[in-house]
Amino acid sequence: MSNDYPVEIDGVTGEVAPLPPQKGQRYRCKLDTLQDVRREMAKVYREARSGITNMQDATKLTWMLQAVSKVIEGSDLEARIKALEERHES
């Protein structure tokens, strides 16, 4: 079984449970496009529904991801407007 995070094995049942990243470990994911942000939001949702991440943390992460998506939308619009203005000036 391949896992990005360390796991904990219950001594009684033998069940394997993933442990969250340790404090100070850097979590990396690509958040360059709205598709990337959507994918990460879906991951947070699945982890919250599965009990891997508590709901309060998932809510905070989702709000942060929404902020990232607004910044991406704004910068995309800015680039499109600039391109239109440059084409209009030519």
C-alpha atoms as a PDB file:
ATOM      1  CA  MET A   1       0.000   0.000   0.000  1.00  0.00           C
ATOM      2  CA  SER A   2       1.455   3.342  -1.075  1.00  0.00           C
ATOM      3  CA  ASN A   3       0.769   6.347   1.125  1.00  0.00           C
ATOM      4  CA  ASP A   4       2.082   9.912   1.131  1.00  0.00           C
ATOM      5  CA  TYR A   5       1.626  10.215   4.892  1.00  0.00           C
ATOM      6  CA  PRO A   6       2.659   8.033   7.811  1.00  0.00           C
ATOM      7  CA  VAL A   7       0.046   5.604   9.073  1.00  0.00           C
ATOM      8  CA  GLU A   8      -1.001   4.311  12.466  1.00  0.00           C
ATOM      9  CA  ILE A   9      -1.851   0.645  12.976  1.00  0.00           C
ATOM     10  CA  ASP A  10      -4.372  -0.151  15.691  1.00  0.00           C
ATOM     11  CA  GLY A  11      -2.822  -2.804  17.956  1.00  0.00           C
ATOM     12  CA  VAL A  12      -6.180  -4.451  18.676  1.00  0.00           C
ATOM     13  CA  THR A  13      -7.983  -4.441  15.345  1.00  0.00           C
ATOM     14  CA  GLY A  14      -4.983  -4.170  13.009  1.00  0.00           C
ATOM     15  CA  GLU A  15      -6.720  -1.413  11.057  1.00  0.00           C
ATOM     16  CA  VAL A  16      -4.518   1.116   9.297  1.00  0.00           C
ATOM     17  CA  ALA A  17      -5.374   4.815   9.671  1.00  0.00           C
ATOM     18  CA  PRO A  18      -3.509   7.611   7.904  1.00  0.00           C
ATOM     19  CA  LEU A  19      -1.967  10.267  10.111  1.00  0.00           C
ATOM     20  CA  PRO A  20      -2.180  13.918   9.079  1.00  0.00           C
ATOM     21  CA  PRO A  21       1.034  15.678   8.045  1.00  0.00           C
ATOM     22  CA  GLN A  22       3.197  16.541  11.019  1.00  0.00           C
ATOM     23  CA  LYS A  23       3.336  20.152  12.163  1.00  0.00           C
ATOM     24  CA  GLY A  24       6.035  21.932  10.216  1.00  0.00           C
ATOM     25  CA  GLN A  25       5.816  19.611   7.219  1.00  0.00           C
ATOM     26  CA  ARG A  26       4.950  21.534   4.103  1.00  0.00           C
ATOM     27  CA  TYR A  27       1.946  20.371   2.102  1.00  0.00           C
ATOM     28  CA  ARG A  28       2.352  20.928  -1.607  1.00  0.00           C
ATOM     29  CA  CYS A  29      -0.298  20.940  -4.258  1.00  0.00           C
ATOM     30  CA  LYS A  30      -0.671  22.768  -7.523  1.00  0.00           C
ATOM     31  CA  LEU A  31      -3.124  25.703  -7.336  1.00  0.00           C
ATOM     32  CA  ASP A  32      -2.390  27.511 -10.599  1.00  0.00           C
ATOM     33  CA  THR A  33      -5.779  27.103 -12.261  1.00  0.00           C
ATOM     34  CA  LEU A  34      -9.417  26.955 -11.210  1.00  0.00           C
ATOM     35  CA  GLN A  35      -9.335  23.260 -12.110  1.00  0.00           C
ATOM     36  CA  ASP A  36      -6.482  22.738  -9.616  1.00  0.00           C
ATOM     37  CA  VAL A  37      -8.420  24.577  -6.900  1.00  0.00           C
ATOM     38  CA  ARG A  38     -11.581  22.574  -7.666  1.00  0.00           C
ATOM     39  CA  ARG A  39      -9.609  19.342  -7.380  1.00  0.00           C
ATOM     40  CA  GLU A  40      -8.138  20.387  -4.012  1.00  0.00           C
ATOM     41  CA  MET A  41     -11.578  21.439  -2.702  1.00  0.00           C
ATOM     42  CA  ALA A  42     -12.949  18.039  -3.668  1.00  0.00           C
ATOM     43  CA  LYS A  43     -10.081  16.381  -1.801  1.00  0.00           C
ATOM     44  CA  VAL A  44     -10.776  18.459   1.327  1.00  0.00           C
ATOM     45  CA  TYR A  45     -14.468  17.537   1.080  1.00  0.00           C
ATOM     46  CA  ARG A  46     -13.734  13.813   0.752  1.00  0.00           C
ATOM     47  CA  GLU A  47     -11.296  13.919   3.684  1.00  0.00           C
ATOM     48  CA  ALA A  48     -13.867  15.712   5.850  1.00  0.00           C
ATOM     49  CA  ARG A  49     -16.625  13.251   4.901  1.00  0.00           C
ATOM     50  CA  SER A  50     -14.274  10.356   5.682  1.00  0.00           C
ATOM     51  CA  GLY A  51     -13.285  11.796   9.059  1.00  0.00           C
ATOM     52  CA  ILE A  52      -9.630  12.253   8.077  1.00  0.00           C
ATOM     53  CA  THR A  53      -9.944  16.034   8.473  1.00  0.00           C
ATOM     54  CA  ASN A  54     -12.292  17.558  11.040  1.00  0.00           C
ATOM     55  CA  MET A  55     -15.117  19.737   9.730  1.00  0.00           C
ATOM     56  CA  GLN A  56     -13.806  22.963  11.276  1.00  0.00           C
ATOM     57  CA  ASP A  57     -10.435  22.591   9.567  1.00  0.00           C
ATOM     58  CA  ALA A  58     -12.100  21.576   6.294  1.00  0.00           C
ATOM     59  CA  THR A  59     -14.313  24.669   6.439  1.00  0.00           C
ATOM     60  CA  LYS A  60     -11.306  26.933   6.960  1.00  0.00           C
ATOM     61  CA  LEU A  61      -9.386  25.265   4.141  1.00  0.00           C
ATOM     62  CA  THR A  62     -12.369  25.585   1.811  1.00  0.00           C
ATOM     63  CA  TRP A  63     -12.678  29.315   2.545  1.00  0.00           C
ATOM     64  CA  MET A  64      -8.967  29.751   1.777  1.00  0.00           C
ATOM     65  CA  LEU A  65      -9.345  27.829  -1.472  1.00  0.00           C
ATOM     66  CA  GLN A  66     -12.303  30.036  -2.427  1.00  0.00           C
ATOM     67  CA  ALA A  67     -10.088  33.092  -1.883  1.00  0.00           C
ATOM     68  CA  VAL A  68      -7.404  31.561  -4.112  1.00  0.00           C
ATOM     69  CA  SER A  69     -10.001  30.902  -6.821  1.00  0.00           C
ATOM     70  CA  LYS A  70     -11.158  34.542  -6.726  1.00  0.00           C
ATOM     71  CA  VAL A  71      -7.566  35.716  -7.164  1.00  0.00           C
ATOM     72  CA  ILE A  72      -7.138  33.383 -10.147  1.00  0.00           C
ATOM     73  CA  GLU A  73     -10.384  34.642 -11.702  1.00  0.00           C
ATOM     74  CA  GLY A  74      -9.305  38.247 -11.191  1.00  0.00           C
ATOM     75  CA  SER A  75      -5.883  37.763 -12.715  1.00  0.00           C
ATOM     76  CA  ASP A  76      -7.374  35.875 -15.681  1.00  0.00           C
ATOM     77  CA  LEU A  77      -9.850  38.700 -16.299  1.00  0.00           C
ATOM     78  CA  GLU A  78      -7.077  41.271 -15.978  1.00  0.00           C
ATOM     79  CA  ALA A  79      -4.979  39.444 -18.579  1.00  0.00           C
ATOM     80  CA  ARG A  80      -7.934  39.152 -20.974  1.00  0.00           C
ATOM     81  CA  ILE A  81      -8.800  42.849 -20.647  1.00  0.00           C
ATOM     82  CA  LYS A  82      -5.181  43.814 -21.245  1.00  0.00           C
ATOM     83  CA  ALA A  83      -5.073  41.644 -24.371  1.00  0.00           C
ATOM     84  CA  LEU A  84      -8.293  43.227 -25.682  1.00  0.00           C
ATOM     85  CA  GLU A  85      -6.992  46.737 -25.006  1.00  0.00           C
ATOM     86  CA  GLU A  86      -3.722  45.971 -26.803  1.00  0.00           C
ATOM     87  CA  ARG A  87      -5.606  44.555 -29.778  1.00  0.00           C
ATOM     88  CA  HIS A  88      -7.892  47.595 -29.853  1.00  0.00           C
ATOM     89  CA  GLU A  89      -4.915  50.023 -29.811  1.00  0.00           C
ATOM     90  CA  SER A  90      -3.260  48.283 -32.768  1.00  0.00           C
END
